[in-house]
Every structure is written in C-alpha cells, then in structure tokens.
Amino acid sequence: MHNIETLNKFLKDELSATETYQQALKKLREDAGLGKAEDLMPIYEAHKEAVSSLQALISRLGGAPCEDTGAWGTWAKLVQGSANLLGKEMALKSLQGGEKSGAEDYEEALQDTELSSDIRSLIETKLLPAQQAHIRILDRLLGGGTD
C-alpha cells in the first residue's frame, strides 16, 4: 500500500506538471513576445511520459491511479497563471521551481527503505534524470546555464 500511495503522490505531481506546462505553452503561443513554445515542448512531453509510466506501474501493482491533481494542482496552476502574467522570466522561474521541487521529492523517495525495487528503478533511471534535465533546460532558457 505504501508503494502505491507514493506512486500516486508522484502521479499527482506529474499530472500537475502537465497541466502547468499546458498553461505556460498556451500563454507562450498567444504572446510571441514571451518566447518560443517549442523550447518547453520536450519537457511537457517528458511529463506526459512520466504520467503514463506511473499509471502503468500503479495498475501493475494492483492500485488505482489517481485521475486529478487535487489541491496541489490547483495551487500550481494559480502560481503559473500569475507568473505568466508577469512575463517570460517569471513564468520560466515558476516552472523551474516546480521542477526543482519534483527532483527533491524523487531524491527524498530514494531514501525510503520500504520503496520497492520497481519504483526505485523508475525514479533512478527515468523520473529523476528527466527532472534534472528539465532544470538544466530551464537554466539555459533563463540565461543561467550552459546546456
């Protein structure tokens, strides 16, 4: 049960990320002055893949994948919506904050000794490396990295 609860928490976070990126992409497409939406598409697609992976693993473990983001998703959309109004840099910083929070959640989960090897492997080989790559991309878009 602990493993399914952990996976569903991650799933809610990833669903929230996809919704938040959809919102940011929509804003970028509406306002060409904010930059190119194409820069964020790979991150959005990676979060969609993470959702699929988590849903499949939850189902394989006999659990029921959650279908919405709950209060955290509502909060994330509110924060991103506000950041979008303030311009490209704030929007990107908001997305970066979400990515860093997600990476920290995955790193923290790896410290959980009750975590199954399937979940640990998914985090180590797919979820955490993707989060780290997203952070590097957003660093570069913000002008603070060399990716």
N, C-alpha and C. Protein backbone atom coordinates (compact mmCIF):
# COMPACT_ATOMS: atom_id res chain seq x y z
N MET A 1 0.83 -1.20 0.00
CA MET A 1 0.00 0.00 0.00
C MET A 1 0.87 1.26 0.00
N HIS A 2 1.94 1.25 0.78
CA HIS A 2 2.84 2.40 0.85
C HIS A 2 3.39 2.75 -0.53
N ASN A 3 3.77 1.73 -1.30
CA ASN A 3 4.32 1.96 -2.63
C ASN A 3 3.29 2.61 -3.55
N ILE A 4 2.06 2.14 -3.51
CA ILE A 4 1.01 2.70 -4.36
C ILE A 4 0.71 4.15 -3.96
N GLU A 5 0.68 4.41 -2.65
CA GLU A 5 0.46 5.79 -2.19
C GLU A 5 1.58 6.70 -2.67
N THR A 6 2.81 6.24 -2.59
CA THR A 6 3.95 7.02 -3.06
C THR A 6 3.84 7.29 -4.55
N LEU A 7 3.50 6.25 -5.31
CA LEU A 7 3.36 6.41 -6.76
C LEU A 7 2.23 7.38 -7.10
N ASN A 8 1.12 7.29 -6.38
CA ASN A 8 0.00 8.20 -6.66
C ASN A 8 0.36 9.64 -6.32
N LYS A 9 1.18 9.85 -5.30
CA LYS A 9 1.65 11.20 -5.00
C LYS A 9 2.48 11.72 -6.17
N PHE A 10 3.39 10.89 -6.67
CA PHE A 10 4.19 11.28 -7.83
C PHE A 10 3.30 11.53 -9.05
N LEU A 11 2.29 10.67 -9.21
CA LEU A 11 1.38 10.82 -10.35
C LEU A 11 0.64 12.16 -10.27
N LYS A 12 0.17 12.52 -9.08
CA LYS A 12 -0.49 13.83 -8.93
C LYS A 12 0.46 14.95 -9.31
N ASP A 13 1.71 14.85 -8.87
CA ASP A 13 2.70 15.88 -9.20
C ASP A 13 2.94 15.95 -10.71
N GLU A 14 3.04 14.80 -11.35
CA GLU A 14 3.28 14.78 -12.80
C GLU A 14 2.05 15.27 -13.57
N LEU A 15 0.86 14.92 -13.11
CA LEU A 15 -0.36 15.45 -13.74
C LEU A 15 -0.41 16.97 -13.59
N SER A 16 -0.04 17.45 -12.41
CA SER A 16 0.02 18.89 -12.17
C SER A 16 1.03 19.54 -13.11
N ALA A 17 2.17 18.90 -13.29
CA ALA A 17 3.21 19.44 -14.18
C ALA A 17 2.68 19.53 -15.61
N THR A 18 1.98 18.49 -16.08
CA THR A 18 1.47 18.54 -17.46
C THR A 18 0.46 19.67 -17.61
N GLU A 19 -0.41 19.84 -16.62
CA GLU A 19 -1.40 20.93 -16.68
C GLU A 19 -0.71 22.29 -16.65
N THR A 20 0.31 22.41 -15.82
CA THR A 20 1.03 23.68 -15.69
C THR A 20 1.77 24.01 -16.99
N TYR A 21 2.41 23.01 -17.58
CA TYR A 21 3.10 23.25 -18.85
C TYR A 21 2.11 23.56 -19.97
N GLN A 22 0.94 22.92 -19.96
CA GLN A 22 -0.08 23.25 -20.95
C GLN A 22 -0.45 24.73 -20.85
N GLN A 23 -0.61 25.19 -19.63
CA GLN A 23 -0.95 26.58 -19.40
C GLN A 23 0.17 27.51 -19.89
N ALA A 24 1.41 27.19 -19.56
CA ALA A 24 2.54 28.01 -19.98
C ALA A 24 2.68 28.00 -21.50
N LEU A 25 2.53 26.82 -22.11
CA LEU A 25 2.63 26.72 -23.57
C LEU A 25 1.55 27.54 -24.26
N LYS A 26 0.35 27.49 -23.73
CA LYS A 26 -0.75 28.28 -24.29
C LYS A 26 -0.41 29.77 -24.24
N LYS A 27 0.10 30.21 -23.11
CA LYS A 27 0.46 31.61 -22.96
C LYS A 27 1.58 31.99 -23.91
N LEU A 28 2.58 31.14 -24.06
CA LEU A 28 3.69 31.42 -24.96
C LEU A 28 3.21 31.50 -26.41
N ARG A 29 2.27 30.65 -26.77
CA ARG A 29 1.74 30.67 -28.15
C ARG A 29 0.91 31.92 -28.40
N GLU A 30 0.20 32.38 -27.37
CA GLU A 30 -0.64 33.57 -27.51
C GLU A 30 0.20 34.84 -27.59
N ASP A 31 1.31 34.86 -26.90
CA ASP A 31 2.13 36.07 -26.80
C ASP A 31 3.53 35.76 -27.32
N ALA A 32 3.73 36.00 -28.59
CA ALA A 32 5.02 35.67 -29.22
C ALA A 32 6.19 36.36 -28.53
N GLY A 33 5.94 37.46 -27.85
CA GLY A 33 6.99 38.18 -27.16
C GLY A 33 7.56 37.41 -25.98
N LEU A 34 6.85 36.39 -25.52
CA LEU A 34 7.33 35.61 -24.38
C LEU A 34 8.37 34.57 -24.78
N GLY A 35 8.49 34.31 -26.06
CA GLY A 35 9.47 33.32 -26.49
C GLY A 35 8.81 32.19 -27.24
N LYS A 36 9.60 31.20 -27.57
CA LYS A 36 9.11 30.08 -28.37
C LYS A 36 8.58 28.96 -27.48
N ALA A 37 7.38 28.54 -27.78
CA ALA A 37 6.78 27.44 -27.04
C ALA A 37 7.55 26.14 -27.27
N GLU A 38 8.23 26.04 -28.42
CA GLU A 38 8.96 24.80 -28.75
C GLU A 38 10.02 24.46 -27.70
N ASP A 39 10.54 25.48 -27.03
CA ASP A 39 11.57 25.23 -26.02
C ASP A 39 11.03 24.39 -24.86
N LEU A 40 9.74 24.51 -24.59
CA LEU A 40 9.14 23.79 -23.46
C LEU A 40 8.47 22.48 -23.86
N MET A 41 8.26 22.26 -25.14
CA MET A 41 7.56 21.05 -25.57
C MET A 41 8.23 19.75 -25.12
N PRO A 42 9.56 19.63 -25.20
CA PRO A 42 10.19 18.38 -24.75
C PRO A 42 9.94 18.11 -23.26
N ILE A 43 9.90 19.16 -22.46
CA ILE A 43 9.64 18.97 -21.02
C ILE A 43 8.20 18.53 -20.82
N TYR A 44 7.28 19.17 -21.51
CA TYR A 44 5.86 18.79 -21.43
C TYR A 44 5.69 17.32 -21.83
N GLU A 45 6.31 16.93 -22.94
CA GLU A 45 6.21 15.54 -23.41
C GLU A 45 6.80 14.56 -22.40
N ALA A 46 7.91 14.95 -21.77
CA ALA A 46 8.54 14.07 -20.77
C ALA A 46 7.61 13.89 -19.56
N HIS A 47 6.92 14.94 -19.16
CA HIS A 47 5.98 14.80 -18.05
C HIS A 47 4.80 13.90 -18.44
N LYS A 48 4.34 14.00 -19.69
CA LYS A 48 3.28 13.10 -20.15
C LYS A 48 3.74 11.65 -20.11
N GLU A 49 4.99 11.41 -20.50
CA GLU A 49 5.55 10.05 -20.45
C GLU A 49 5.64 9.56 -19.00
N ALA A 50 6.02 10.46 -18.09
CA ALA A 50 6.10 10.08 -16.68
C ALA A 50 4.72 9.70 -16.16
N VAL A 51 3.69 10.44 -16.57
CA VAL A 51 2.32 10.10 -16.16
C VAL A 51 1.98 8.69 -16.62
N SER A 52 2.27 8.38 -17.87
CA SER A 52 1.97 7.04 -18.40
C SER A 52 2.72 5.95 -17.66
N SER A 53 4.00 6.19 -17.39
CA SER A 53 4.81 5.20 -16.67
C SER A 53 4.27 4.96 -15.27
N LEU A 54 3.92 6.04 -14.59
CA LEU A 54 3.40 5.90 -13.22
C LEU A 54 2.05 5.21 -13.21
N GLN A 55 1.18 5.57 -14.14
CA GLN A 55 -0.13 4.92 -14.21
C GLN A 55 0.03 3.42 -14.45
N ALA A 56 0.91 3.07 -15.35
CA ALA A 56 1.13 1.65 -15.67
C ALA A 56 1.66 0.89 -14.46
N LEU A 57 2.61 1.47 -13.75
CA LEU A 57 3.19 0.78 -12.59
C LEU A 57 2.17 0.65 -11.47
N ILE A 58 1.39 1.68 -11.23
CA ILE A 58 0.34 1.61 -10.20
C ILE A 58 -0.64 0.50 -10.53
N SER A 59 -1.06 0.44 -11.78
CA SER A 59 -2.00 -0.61 -12.20
C SER A 59 -1.37 -1.99 -12.06
N ARG A 60 -0.11 -2.13 -12.46
CA ARG A 60 0.58 -3.42 -12.37
C ARG A 60 0.69 -3.88 -10.92
N LEU A 61 0.81 -2.92 -9.99
CA LEU A 61 0.90 -3.25 -8.57
C LEU A 61 -0.47 -3.47 -7.93
N GLY A 62 -1.53 -3.37 -8.73
CA GLY A 62 -2.88 -3.62 -8.22
C GLY A 62 -3.57 -2.39 -7.64
N GLY A 63 -3.03 -1.22 -7.89
CA GLY A 63 -3.62 0.01 -7.37
C GLY A 63 -4.47 0.70 -8.42
N ALA A 64 -5.14 1.77 -7.99
CA ALA A 64 -5.95 2.58 -8.89
C ALA A 64 -5.25 3.94 -9.05
N PRO A 65 -4.77 4.23 -10.26
CA PRO A 65 -4.10 5.52 -10.47
C PRO A 65 -5.06 6.69 -10.24
N CYS A 66 -4.58 7.71 -9.54
CA CYS A 66 -5.41 8.90 -9.33
C CYS A 66 -5.62 9.57 -10.69
N GLU A 67 -6.70 10.34 -10.76
CA GLU A 67 -7.04 10.95 -12.04
C GLU A 67 -6.94 12.46 -12.03
N ASP A 68 -6.75 13.06 -10.88
CA ASP A 68 -6.63 14.52 -10.86
C ASP A 68 -5.51 14.94 -9.93
N THR A 69 -5.24 16.22 -9.94
CA THR A 69 -4.10 16.75 -9.22
C THR A 69 -4.45 17.24 -7.82
N GLY A 70 -5.72 17.34 -7.53
CA GLY A 70 -6.13 17.79 -6.20
C GLY A 70 -5.73 19.23 -5.93
N ALA A 71 -5.59 19.56 -4.67
CA ALA A 71 -5.29 20.93 -4.26
C ALA A 71 -3.95 21.41 -4.78
N TRP A 72 -2.95 20.50 -4.84
CA TRP A 72 -1.63 20.90 -5.31
C TRP A 72 -1.69 21.37 -6.76
N GLY A 73 -2.47 20.69 -7.58
CA GLY A 73 -2.59 21.09 -8.98
C GLY A 73 -3.26 22.43 -9.13
N THR A 74 -4.28 22.68 -8.32
CA THR A 74 -4.96 23.97 -8.36
C THR A 74 -3.99 25.08 -7.97
N TRP A 75 -3.21 24.85 -6.93
CA TRP A 75 -2.22 25.82 -6.49
C TRP A 75 -1.17 26.07 -7.57
N ALA A 76 -0.67 25.01 -8.17
CA ALA A 76 0.36 25.14 -9.21
C ALA A 76 -0.17 25.95 -10.38
N LYS A 77 -1.41 25.69 -10.79
CA LYS A 77 -1.98 26.45 -11.91
C LYS A 77 -2.15 27.92 -11.55
N LEU A 78 -2.54 28.20 -10.32
CA LEU A 78 -2.68 29.59 -9.87
C LEU A 78 -1.33 30.30 -9.90
N VAL A 79 -0.32 29.65 -9.37
CA VAL A 79 1.02 30.25 -9.35
C VAL A 79 1.52 30.47 -10.77
N GLN A 80 1.38 29.46 -11.63
CA GLN A 80 1.85 29.60 -13.01
C GLN A 80 1.05 30.66 -13.75
N GLY A 81 -0.24 30.72 -13.53
CA GLY A 81 -1.06 31.74 -14.18
C GLY A 81 -0.60 33.14 -13.80
N SER A 82 -0.31 33.33 -12.54
CA SER A 82 0.19 34.63 -12.08
C SER A 82 1.55 34.93 -12.68
N ALA A 83 2.41 33.93 -12.72
CA ALA A 83 3.75 34.12 -13.29
C ALA A 83 3.65 34.44 -14.78
N ASN A 84 2.72 33.80 -15.49
CA ASN A 84 2.56 34.06 -16.92
C ASN A 84 2.21 35.53 -17.15
N LEU A 85 1.40 36.09 -16.28
CA LEU A 85 1.01 37.49 -16.41
C LEU A 85 2.19 38.43 -16.22
N LEU A 86 3.18 38.00 -15.48
CA LEU A 86 4.34 38.83 -15.18
C LEU A 86 5.45 38.71 -16.23
N GLY A 87 5.29 37.81 -17.18
CA GLY A 87 6.26 37.71 -18.27
C GLY A 87 7.02 36.41 -18.31
N LYS A 88 7.83 36.30 -19.36
CA LYS A 88 8.55 35.07 -19.65
C LYS A 88 9.46 34.64 -18.51
N GLU A 89 10.26 35.55 -17.97
CA GLU A 89 11.22 35.17 -16.93
C GLU A 89 10.51 34.61 -15.70
N MET A 90 9.44 35.27 -15.27
CA MET A 90 8.71 34.77 -14.10
C MET A 90 8.05 33.43 -14.39
N ALA A 91 7.52 33.29 -15.60
CA ALA A 91 6.90 32.02 -15.97
C ALA A 91 7.93 30.89 -15.93
N LEU A 92 9.11 31.15 -16.50
CA LEU A 92 10.16 30.13 -16.51
C LEU A 92 10.67 29.84 -15.10
N LYS A 93 10.79 30.87 -14.28
CA LYS A 93 11.24 30.66 -12.90
C LYS A 93 10.21 29.83 -12.12
N SER A 94 8.94 30.06 -12.38
CA SER A 94 7.90 29.28 -11.72
C SER A 94 7.99 27.80 -12.14
N LEU A 95 8.16 27.58 -13.43
CA LEU A 95 8.31 26.19 -13.92
C LEU A 95 9.55 25.55 -13.32
N GLN A 96 10.63 26.31 -13.26
CA GLN A 96 11.88 25.79 -12.69
C GLN A 96 11.70 25.41 -11.22
N GLY A 97 10.97 26.24 -10.48
CA GLY A 97 10.70 25.93 -9.07
C GLY A 97 9.95 24.61 -8.93
N GLY A 98 8.98 24.38 -9.82
CA GLY A 98 8.25 23.11 -9.80
C GLY A 98 9.15 21.93 -10.12
N GLU A 99 10.03 22.11 -11.08
CA GLU A 99 10.97 21.03 -11.46
C GLU A 99 11.91 20.71 -10.30
N LYS A 100 12.42 21.74 -9.64
CA LYS A 100 13.33 21.51 -8.51
C LYS A 100 12.61 20.81 -7.37
N SER A 101 11.38 21.20 -7.12
CA SER A 101 10.58 20.55 -6.07
C SER A 101 10.36 19.08 -6.41
N GLY A 102 10.06 18.79 -7.68
CA GLY A 102 9.87 17.41 -8.11
C GLY A 102 11.13 16.58 -7.95
N ALA A 103 12.27 17.16 -8.32
CA ALA A 103 13.54 16.45 -8.18
C ALA A 103 13.82 16.15 -6.71
N GLU A 104 13.54 17.11 -5.84
CA GLU A 104 13.74 16.88 -4.40
C GLU A 104 12.83 15.77 -3.89
N ASP A 105 11.59 15.73 -4.37
CA ASP A 105 10.67 14.67 -3.96
C ASP A 105 11.20 13.30 -4.38
N TYR A 106 11.72 13.20 -5.60
CA TYR A 106 12.25 11.93 -6.07
C TYR A 106 13.50 11.53 -5.28
N GLU A 107 14.37 12.49 -5.01
CA GLU A 107 15.57 12.19 -4.22
C GLU A 107 15.20 11.74 -2.81
N GLU A 108 14.21 12.39 -2.23
CA GLU A 108 13.76 12.01 -0.89
C GLU A 108 13.17 10.60 -0.89
N ALA A 109 12.42 10.28 -1.92
CA ALA A 109 11.82 8.95 -2.01
C ALA A 109 12.88 7.86 -2.07
N LEU A 110 14.00 8.16 -2.71
CA LEU A 110 15.07 7.17 -2.81
C LEU A 110 15.67 6.83 -1.45
N GLN A 111 15.43 7.67 -0.46
CA GLN A 111 15.91 7.40 0.90
C GLN A 111 14.96 6.46 1.66
N ASP A 112 13.78 6.22 1.10
CA ASP A 112 12.76 5.38 1.73
C ASP A 112 13.15 3.91 1.58
N THR A 113 13.47 3.26 2.68
CA THR A 113 13.91 1.87 2.65
C THR A 113 12.77 0.90 2.31
N GLU A 114 11.52 1.35 2.42
CA GLU A 114 10.38 0.49 2.11
C GLU A 114 9.99 0.53 0.63
N LEU A 115 10.66 1.37 -0.13
CA LEU A 115 10.33 1.53 -1.54
C LEU A 115 10.72 0.27 -2.31
N SER A 116 9.81 -0.20 -3.16
CA SER A 116 10.09 -1.41 -3.93
C SER A 116 11.17 -1.15 -4.98
N SER A 117 11.80 -2.21 -5.43
CA SER A 117 12.86 -2.07 -6.43
C SER A 117 12.32 -1.54 -7.75
N ASP A 118 11.07 -1.88 -8.12
CA ASP A 118 10.45 -1.35 -9.35
C ASP A 118 10.36 0.17 -9.30
N ILE A 119 9.91 0.68 -8.17
CA ILE A 119 9.74 2.13 -8.02
C ILE A 119 11.10 2.81 -7.98
N ARG A 120 12.00 2.24 -7.22
CA ARG A 120 13.35 2.79 -7.11
C ARG A 120 13.99 2.87 -8.51
N SER A 121 13.85 1.83 -9.28
CA SER A 121 14.42 1.80 -10.63
C SER A 121 13.80 2.87 -11.52
N LEU A 122 12.48 3.01 -11.47
CA LEU A 122 11.80 4.02 -12.27
C LEU A 122 12.30 5.42 -11.90
N ILE A 123 12.46 5.69 -10.63
CA ILE A 123 12.95 7.00 -10.19
C ILE A 123 14.38 7.22 -10.66
N GLU A 124 15.23 6.23 -10.43
CA GLU A 124 16.66 6.38 -10.73
C GLU A 124 16.96 6.45 -12.23
N THR A 125 16.21 5.71 -13.04
CA THR A 125 16.55 5.62 -14.45
C THR A 125 15.73 6.56 -15.34
N LYS A 126 14.56 7.00 -14.86
CA LYS A 126 13.70 7.79 -15.73
C LYS A 126 13.26 9.10 -15.10
N LEU A 127 12.60 9.03 -13.96
CA LEU A 127 11.96 10.22 -13.41
C LEU A 127 12.94 11.28 -12.93
N LEU A 128 13.90 10.90 -12.10
CA LEU A 128 14.85 11.87 -11.58
C LEU A 128 15.77 12.43 -12.68
N PRO A 129 16.33 11.59 -13.56
CA PRO A 129 17.15 12.15 -14.64
C PRO A 129 16.36 13.14 -15.52
N ALA A 130 15.08 12.85 -15.75
CA ALA A 130 14.26 13.77 -16.55
C ALA A 130 14.10 15.11 -15.83
N GLN A 131 13.82 15.06 -14.53
CA GLN A 131 13.68 16.30 -13.76
C GLN A 131 14.96 17.11 -13.83
N GLN A 132 16.08 16.45 -13.67
CA GLN A 132 17.37 17.14 -13.71
C GLN A 132 17.62 17.76 -15.09
N ALA A 133 17.24 17.06 -16.14
CA ALA A 133 17.38 17.61 -17.49
C ALA A 133 16.48 18.82 -17.68
N HIS A 134 15.27 18.76 -17.14
CA HIS A 134 14.34 19.89 -17.24
C HIS A 134 14.92 21.13 -16.56
N ILE A 135 15.52 20.92 -15.41
CA ILE A 135 16.12 22.04 -14.67
C ILE A 135 17.24 22.67 -15.52
N ARG A 136 18.06 21.83 -16.15
CA ARG A 136 19.15 22.35 -16.99
C ARG A 136 18.59 23.15 -18.17
N ILE A 137 17.53 22.66 -18.79
CA ILE A 137 16.91 23.37 -19.92
C ILE A 137 16.38 24.72 -19.46
N LEU A 138 15.69 24.73 -18.33
CA LEU A 138 15.13 25.99 -17.83
C LEU A 138 16.24 26.94 -17.40
N ASP A 139 17.32 26.42 -16.83
CA ASP A 139 18.50 27.24 -16.52
C ASP A 139 19.00 27.94 -17.77
N ARG A 140 19.12 27.16 -18.85
CA ARG A 140 19.61 27.70 -20.12
C ARG A 140 18.66 28.77 -20.65
N LEU A 141 17.36 28.50 -20.59
CA LEU A 141 16.37 29.46 -21.08
C LEU A 141 16.36 30.74 -20.27
N LEU A 142 16.72 30.60 -19.00
CA LEU A 142 16.81 31.77 -18.13
C LEU A 142 18.17 32.47 -18.24
N GLY A 143 19.06 31.90 -19.03
CA GLY A 143 20.36 32.51 -19.24
C GLY A 143 21.38 32.19 -18.15
N GLY A 144 21.05 31.21 -17.29
CA GLY A 144 21.94 30.91 -16.19
C GLY A 144 22.71 29.62 -16.32
N GLY A 145 22.61 28.96 -17.47
CA GLY A 145 23.30 27.68 -17.62
C GLY A 145 23.83 27.51 -19.02
N THR A 146 24.63 26.51 -19.18
CA THR A 146 25.21 26.21 -20.49
C THR A 146 24.85 24.80 -20.89
N ASP A 147 23.62 24.61 -21.27
CA ASP A 147 23.14 23.28 -21.66
C ASP A 147 23.14 23.13 -23.16
